Protein backbone atom coordinates (compact mmCIF):
# COMPACT_ATOMS: atom_id res chain seq x y z
CA MET A 1 0.00 0.00 0.00
CA PRO A 2 1.91 3.11 -1.20
CA PHE A 3 1.65 6.35 0.78
CA GLY A 4 2.51 9.85 -0.33
CA GLN A 5 1.94 13.61 -0.52
CA LEU A 6 0.47 15.72 -3.28
CA VAL A 7 2.29 19.06 -2.92
CA ILE A 8 0.41 22.05 -4.36
CA GLY A 9 0.33 25.81 -3.90
CA PRO A 10 0.56 29.12 -5.77
CA PRO A 11 3.80 30.08 -7.54
CA GLY A 12 6.48 31.15 -5.08
CA SER A 13 5.02 29.27 -2.13
CA GLY A 14 8.07 26.99 -1.91
CA LYS A 15 6.74 23.71 -3.32
CA THR A 16 9.94 22.47 -4.94
CA THR A 17 12.08 23.53 -1.98
CA TYR A 18 9.63 21.71 0.30
CA CYS A 19 9.78 18.54 -1.80
CA HIS A 20 13.57 18.56 -1.72
CA GLY A 21 13.76 19.20 2.02
CA MET A 22 11.07 16.68 2.90
CA GLN A 23 12.74 13.99 0.79
CA GLN A 24 16.03 14.55 2.63
CA PHE A 25 14.27 14.44 5.99
CA LEU A 26 12.37 11.23 5.21
CA ASN A 27 15.42 9.48 3.80
CA ALA A 28 17.36 10.46 6.94
CA LEU A 29 14.61 8.82 8.99
CA GLY A 30 15.02 5.63 6.99
CA ARG A 31 11.85 6.04 4.94
CA LYS A 32 12.67 5.39 1.28
CA THR A 33 11.27 8.35 -0.63
CA VAL A 34 11.08 9.39 -4.28
CA ILE A 35 9.83 12.59 -5.91
CA VAL A 36 7.47 12.55 -8.87
CA ASN A 37 7.64 15.79 -10.85
CA LEU A 38 4.24 16.62 -12.35
CA ASP A 39 5.19 20.20 -13.21
CA PRO A 40 6.31 20.45 -16.87
CA ALA A 41 7.66 23.98 -16.19
CA ASN A 42 9.83 22.85 -13.29
CA GLU A 43 13.36 23.30 -14.62
CA ASN A 44 16.65 23.02 -12.75
CA THR A 45 15.16 21.26 -9.75
CA PRO A 46 17.46 20.67 -6.77
CA TYR A 47 16.34 17.04 -6.58
CA THR A 48 16.50 14.11 -8.98
CA SER A 49 12.97 13.01 -9.86
CA ALA A 50 12.22 9.32 -10.12
CA VAL A 51 9.36 10.06 -12.53
CA ASN A 52 9.16 13.24 -14.61
CA ILE A 53 6.19 14.41 -16.67
CA GLU A 54 8.65 15.94 -19.13
CA ASP A 55 9.42 12.41 -20.29
CA LEU A 56 5.81 12.30 -21.47
CA ILE A 57 5.22 15.89 -22.59
CA THR A 58 6.99 19.22 -22.20
CA LEU A 59 5.42 22.63 -21.72
CA GLN A 60 7.28 24.05 -24.73
CA ASP A 61 6.06 21.25 -27.00
CA ALA A 62 2.46 21.86 -25.92
CA MET A 63 2.78 25.61 -26.49
CA ASP A 64 4.39 25.20 -29.91
CA ALA A 65 2.02 22.50 -31.15
CA HIS A 66 -1.20 24.23 -30.14
CA ASP A 67 -0.20 27.93 -30.14
CA LEU A 68 -0.83 28.24 -26.40
CA GLY A 69 0.50 30.58 -23.75
CA PRO A 70 2.23 29.30 -20.59
CA ASN A 71 -0.98 28.89 -18.56
CA GLY A 72 -2.90 27.24 -21.40
CA GLY A 73 0.07 25.01 -22.14
CA MET A 74 0.26 23.96 -18.49
CA VAL A 75 -3.42 23.00 -18.42
CA TYR A 76 -2.96 21.07 -21.67
CA CYS A 77 -0.01 19.12 -20.22
CA ILE A 78 -1.96 18.05 -17.14
CA GLU A 79 -4.99 17.10 -19.24
CA TYR A 80 -2.64 15.12 -21.50
CA LEU A 81 -1.36 13.29 -18.42
CA GLU A 82 -4.97 12.59 -17.45
CA LYS A 83 -5.50 10.90 -20.82
CA ASN A 84 -2.28 8.91 -20.47
CA MET A 85 -2.54 7.68 -16.91
CA GLN A 86 -1.29 4.25 -17.87
CA TRP A 87 2.11 5.82 -18.56
CA LEU A 88 2.24 7.27 -15.05
CA GLU A 89 1.13 4.03 -13.42
CA ASP A 90 3.76 2.07 -15.34
CA GLN A 91 6.46 4.54 -14.23
CA LEU A 92 5.41 4.24 -10.58
CA LYS A 93 5.14 0.44 -10.45
CA PRO A 94 8.82 -0.35 -9.71
CA TYR A 95 8.82 2.05 -6.76
CA VAL A 96 5.50 0.74 -5.47
CA ALA A 97 6.93 -2.78 -5.53
CA ASP A 98 9.95 -1.60 -3.49
CA GLU A 99 7.64 0.16 -0.96
CA TYR A 100 8.79 3.71 -1.57
CA TYR A 101 7.04 6.77 -0.17
CA PHE A 102 5.97 9.27 -2.86
CA ILE A 103 6.11 13.07 -3.03
CA PHE A 104 4.27 14.54 -6.04
CA ASP A 105 5.58 18.01 -6.98
CA CYS A 106 2.72 19.75 -8.78
CA PRO A 107 2.31 22.90 -10.92
CA GLY A 108 1.52 26.26 -9.34
CA GLN A 109 -1.46 27.24 -11.53
CA VAL A 110 -4.32 27.49 -9.04
CA GLU A 111 -6.98 26.86 -11.70
CA LEU A 112 -5.83 23.23 -11.80
CA TYR A 113 -7.14 22.82 -8.26
CA THR A 114 -10.14 25.16 -8.23
CA HIS A 115 -12.20 24.32 -11.33
CA ASN A 116 -10.23 22.13 -13.77
CA GLU A 117 -10.83 18.45 -13.00
CA ALA A 118 -7.68 16.93 -14.53
CA VAL A 119 -5.66 16.76 -11.29
CA ARG A 120 -8.63 15.36 -9.38
CA THR A 121 -9.07 12.66 -12.05
CA VAL A 122 -5.38 11.74 -11.85
CA MET A 123 -5.61 11.43 -8.07
CA ARG A 124 -8.76 9.30 -8.29
CA ARG A 125 -6.93 6.93 -10.61
CA LEU A 126 -4.04 6.65 -8.16
CA GLU A 127 -6.47 6.01 -5.31
CA LYS A 128 -7.98 3.15 -7.30
CA ALA A 129 -4.43 1.79 -7.55
CA ASP A 130 -4.45 1.76 -3.71
CA PHE A 131 -2.35 4.90 -3.16
CA ARG A 132 -2.95 6.63 0.16
CA LEU A 133 -2.37 10.32 -0.48
CA ALA A 134 -2.68 13.58 1.46
CA CYS A 135 -2.69 16.99 -0.16
CA VAL A 136 -0.13 19.44 1.25
CA HIS A 137 -1.23 22.94 0.23
CA LEU A 138 1.51 25.51 0.73
CA VAL A 139 0.77 29.24 0.91
CA ASP A 140 3.21 32.01 1.75
CA ALA A 141 2.92 33.11 5.38
CA SER A 142 3.26 36.74 4.24
CA TYR A 143 -0.47 36.69 3.39
CA CYS A 144 -1.19 36.85 7.12
CA THR A 145 0.07 40.43 7.24
CA GLU A 146 -2.96 41.81 5.35
CA ALA A 147 -6.57 40.92 6.10
CA ALA A 148 -7.70 40.96 2.45
CA LYS A 149 -4.89 38.64 1.37
CA PHE A 150 -5.56 36.23 4.20
CA ILE A 151 -9.26 36.04 3.30
CA SER A 152 -8.30 35.28 -0.30
CA VAL A 153 -5.99 32.48 0.91
CA LEU A 154 -8.81 31.05 3.03
CA LEU A 155 -11.14 31.02 0.02
CA LEU A 156 -8.48 29.42 -2.18
CA SER A 157 -7.75 26.74 0.44
CA LEU A 158 -11.43 25.99 0.96
CA THR A 159 -12.12 25.75 -2.78
CA THR A 160 -9.15 23.44 -3.27
CA MET A 161 -10.22 21.18 -0.42
CA LEU A 162 -13.72 20.84 -1.85
CA MET A 163 -12.43 20.32 -5.39
CA LEU A 164 -9.76 17.68 -4.79
CA GLU A 165 -11.60 15.79 -2.03
CA LEU A 166 -8.36 14.51 -0.51
CA PRO A 167 -7.16 14.50 3.09
CA HIS A 168 -5.76 18.01 3.30
CA VAL A 169 -3.01 19.80 5.25
CA ASN A 170 -2.85 23.56 4.66
CA VAL A 171 0.54 25.07 5.44
CA LEU A 172 1.82 28.59 6.04
CA SER A 173 5.28 28.27 4.50
CA LYS A 174 8.35 30.48 5.02
CA ILE A 175 7.13 31.24 8.53
CA ASP A 176 10.67 32.26 9.52
CA LEU A 177 10.50 35.22 7.11
CA LEU A 178 7.29 36.61 8.59
CA PRO A 179 8.97 39.06 11.06
CA GLN A 180 10.58 40.85 8.10
CA LEU A 181 7.19 41.58 6.51
CA GLY A 182 5.47 43.56 9.25
CA GLU A 183 3.50 43.06 12.43
CA LEU A 184 0.48 40.76 12.52
CA ASP A 185 -2.87 42.10 13.69
CA PHE A 186 -3.23 39.02 15.93
CA ASN A 187 -1.05 36.27 17.32
CA LEU A 188 -0.11 33.51 14.93
CA GLU A 189 -2.46 30.95 16.44
CA TYR A 190 -5.40 33.13 15.38
CA TYR A 191 -4.41 32.55 11.74
CA THR A 192 -3.53 28.87 12.02
CA ALA A 193 -6.77 27.96 13.81
CA VAL A 194 -8.83 30.45 11.71
CA MET A 195 -10.60 31.79 14.78
CA ASP A 196 -13.60 34.14 14.84
CA LEU A 197 -13.30 36.04 11.54
CA ASP A 198 -15.38 38.95 12.85
CA TYR A 199 -12.16 40.32 14.35
CA LEU A 200 -10.45 40.09 10.98
CA LEU A 201 -13.51 41.59 9.31
CA PHE A 202 -13.06 44.73 11.39
CA HIS A 203 -9.54 45.24 9.98
CA LEU A 204 -10.76 44.34 6.50
CA ASN A 205 -13.53 46.94 6.53
CA GLU A 206 -11.50 49.81 7.95
CA ARG A 207 -9.02 49.80 5.09
CA GLU A 208 -9.44 50.98 1.52
CA PRO A 209 -10.22 49.67 -1.00
CA SER A 210 -11.70 46.58 0.72
CA ALA A 211 -13.87 48.78 2.95
CA ARG A 212 -16.11 49.50 -0.04
CA PHE A 213 -17.19 45.87 -0.09
CA GLY A 214 -18.35 45.52 3.51
CA GLU A 215 -21.32 43.26 2.82
CA LEU A 216 -19.33 41.08 0.44
CA ASN A 217 -16.56 40.77 3.01
CA LYS A 218 -19.08 39.71 5.64
CA VAL A 219 -20.61 37.07 3.36
CA MET A 220 -17.20 35.63 2.43
CA CYS A 221 -16.16 35.38 6.08
CA GLY A 222 -19.48 33.75 6.90
CA LEU A 223 -19.01 31.22 4.10
CA ILE A 224 -15.58 30.21 5.39
CA GLU A 225 -16.89 29.85 8.95
CA ASP A 226 -19.95 27.87 7.84
CA PHE A 227 -17.77 25.21 6.24
CA SER A 228 -15.35 25.28 9.20
CA LEU A 229 -12.78 23.20 7.30
CA VAL A 230 -9.73 25.41 6.91
CA GLY A 231 -6.84 25.50 9.36
CA PHE A 232 -3.09 25.84 8.92
CA SER A 233 0.13 24.26 10.08
CA THR A 234 3.37 26.25 9.91
CA LEU A 235 6.64 25.45 8.19
CA CYS A 236 10.24 26.58 8.04
CA ILE A 237 11.78 24.01 5.72
CA SER A 238 15.31 24.54 7.08
CA ASP A 239 14.13 23.85 10.66
CA LYS A 240 14.10 20.12 11.42
CA GLN A 241 11.67 20.58 14.31
CA SER A 242 9.22 22.37 12.03
CA VAL A 243 9.49 19.68 9.35
CA ALA A 244 8.98 16.91 11.92
CA THR A 245 5.86 18.59 13.31
CA LEU A 246 4.38 19.03 9.83
CA LEU A 247 5.24 15.46 8.87
CA LYS A 248 3.20 14.29 11.85
CA GLU A 249 0.15 16.11 10.45
CA VAL A 250 0.67 14.71 6.96
CA ASP A 251 1.16 11.16 8.21
CA LYS A 252 -2.04 11.39 10.21
CA ALA A 253 -3.88 12.72 7.15
CA ASN A 254 -2.86 9.95 4.76
CA GLY A 255 -2.93 7.24 7.40
CA TYR A 256 0.77 6.41 7.41
CA ILE A 257 1.15 7.01 11.14
CA PHE A 258 -1.56 4.45 11.87
CA GLY A 259 -0.61 1.65 9.53
CA ALA A 260 2.86 1.92 8.03
CA LEU A 261 5.38 2.80 10.72
CA THR A 262 8.74 1.41 9.74
CA GLU A 263 11.90 0.81 11.71
CA GLY A 264 13.67 4.09 12.35
CA ASN A 265 10.71 6.46 12.57
CA GLU A 266 8.33 4.92 15.10
CA GLU A 267 9.61 6.96 18.05
CA ILE A 268 9.63 10.33 16.32
CA MET A 269 6.06 9.82 15.10
CA LEU A 270 4.80 8.71 18.51
CA ALA A 271 6.39 11.73 20.13
CA ALA A 272 4.98 14.13 17.56
CA ASP A 273 1.50 12.63 17.87
CA SER A 274 1.10 14.08 21.37
CA THR A 275 1.24 17.74 20.23
CA ASP A 276 -1.66 19.92 19.08
CA MET A 277 -1.97 22.63 16.43
CA LEU A 278 -2.43 25.52 18.86
CA GLU A 279 0.65 24.52 20.80
CA ASP A 280 2.57 24.21 17.53
CA ALA A 281 1.51 27.73 16.52
CA ARG A 282 2.57 29.19 19.86
CA LEU A 283 5.96 27.49 19.64
CA ALA A 284 6.40 28.74 16.06
CA GLN A 285 5.58 32.28 17.20
CA ALA A 286 8.30 32.16 19.81
CA ARG A 287 10.86 30.37 17.67
CA TYR A 288 10.63 32.80 14.74
CA SER A 289 9.91 35.97 16.79
CA VAL A 290 6.51 36.69 15.27
CA LEU A 291 4.64 37.21 18.55
CA LYS A 292 2.59 40.39 18.30
CA ASP A 293 3.17 41.25 21.95
CA GLY A 294 6.81 40.21 21.98
CA GLY A 295 6.17 37.45 24.53
CA SER A 296 7.83 34.10 24.73
CA VAL A 297 6.79 30.48 24.95
CA GLN A 298 8.87 27.80 26.60
CA PRO A 299 9.40 24.54 24.67
CA SER A 300 7.21 21.71 25.87
CA SER A 301 8.54 18.34 26.95
CA THR A 302 7.21 16.92 23.69
CA GLU A 303 9.16 19.46 21.64
CA SER A 304 12.31 18.78 23.63
CA ARG A 305 11.91 15.06 23.03
CA LEU A 306 11.39 15.60 19.31
CA SER A 307 14.38 17.92 19.10
CA SER A 308 16.70 15.35 20.64
CA MET A 309 15.55 12.78 18.09
CA ILE A 310 16.11 14.91 15.02
CA ASP A 311 19.22 16.92 15.94
CA LYS A 312 21.39 14.60 13.88
CA LEU A 313 19.30 15.08 10.74
CA LYS A 314 20.24 17.68 8.12
CA ILE A 315 18.17 19.53 5.53
CA VAL A 316 19.86 21.49 2.75
CA GLU A 317 17.56 24.26 1.55
CA HIS A 318 17.59 25.09 -2.16
CA ASP A 319 18.73 28.64 -2.86
CA SER A 320 16.31 29.40 -5.69
CA GLU A 321 12.69 30.41 -5.23
CA HIS A 322 10.05 28.05 -6.63
């Protein structure tokens, strides 16, 4: 039974860097991991992909053959993959047989996850092949600094969750860079837990130009709260503690933590399983100095235990933005 992650997110959210770092972390834990590149525009990746969509079709070929722009060409490539799923399944079979863990690096075009059904169809086909997948949706933590941007991220995350219908882990990436981008209106846990949006609505309505759309803002916030599905984990890909905490959430989402613990990672997963999202947010606030009030949070015994387990692991962050 193969397990894995479908890594998605807008351009610049850090998908490729995440895939590279997570692969290193998992391999260091003793979990054999391969990356499947499903982004035909993903050039000069820091990792070596086990399966690459460019062996099936390239973005440039699609653009040249059908006189398409980059976005149209990207959609065409993914729809072409949808029609040639047997190729993908054949490429994955050797790694499935050897019990590898899979990380799927996906394109950044959000329309592929909001209204185009090609990615969903591909995932359904993999599920029928007994893959156990969780969607890891990365968004830049800088969106928390402005109410309007954060509401847009909430709507994007909610739409993606409803469209893909996969176990879902939303992630505020690059959390370590947040202090450089300005002060938050609330503490970080407010954003990760998506607490009462009426407080955010106040900030949204007092600022131009969003103040002109007060009723629309209220309806959008109400919609998000009615579904009550969206929440966020945090991530600094160069911080082993942060990666371990996120991996716990992903492994719970795709079921790996319950049914596929292998020698070398049982203890770290059991230790991580005792934390909660609010505690994680408070620790992230303190660790990366993003507390609004400048306070501090002491590491819990769980975090200390996790830290001692992963101190020997190393993650090399890719220099380029993806």
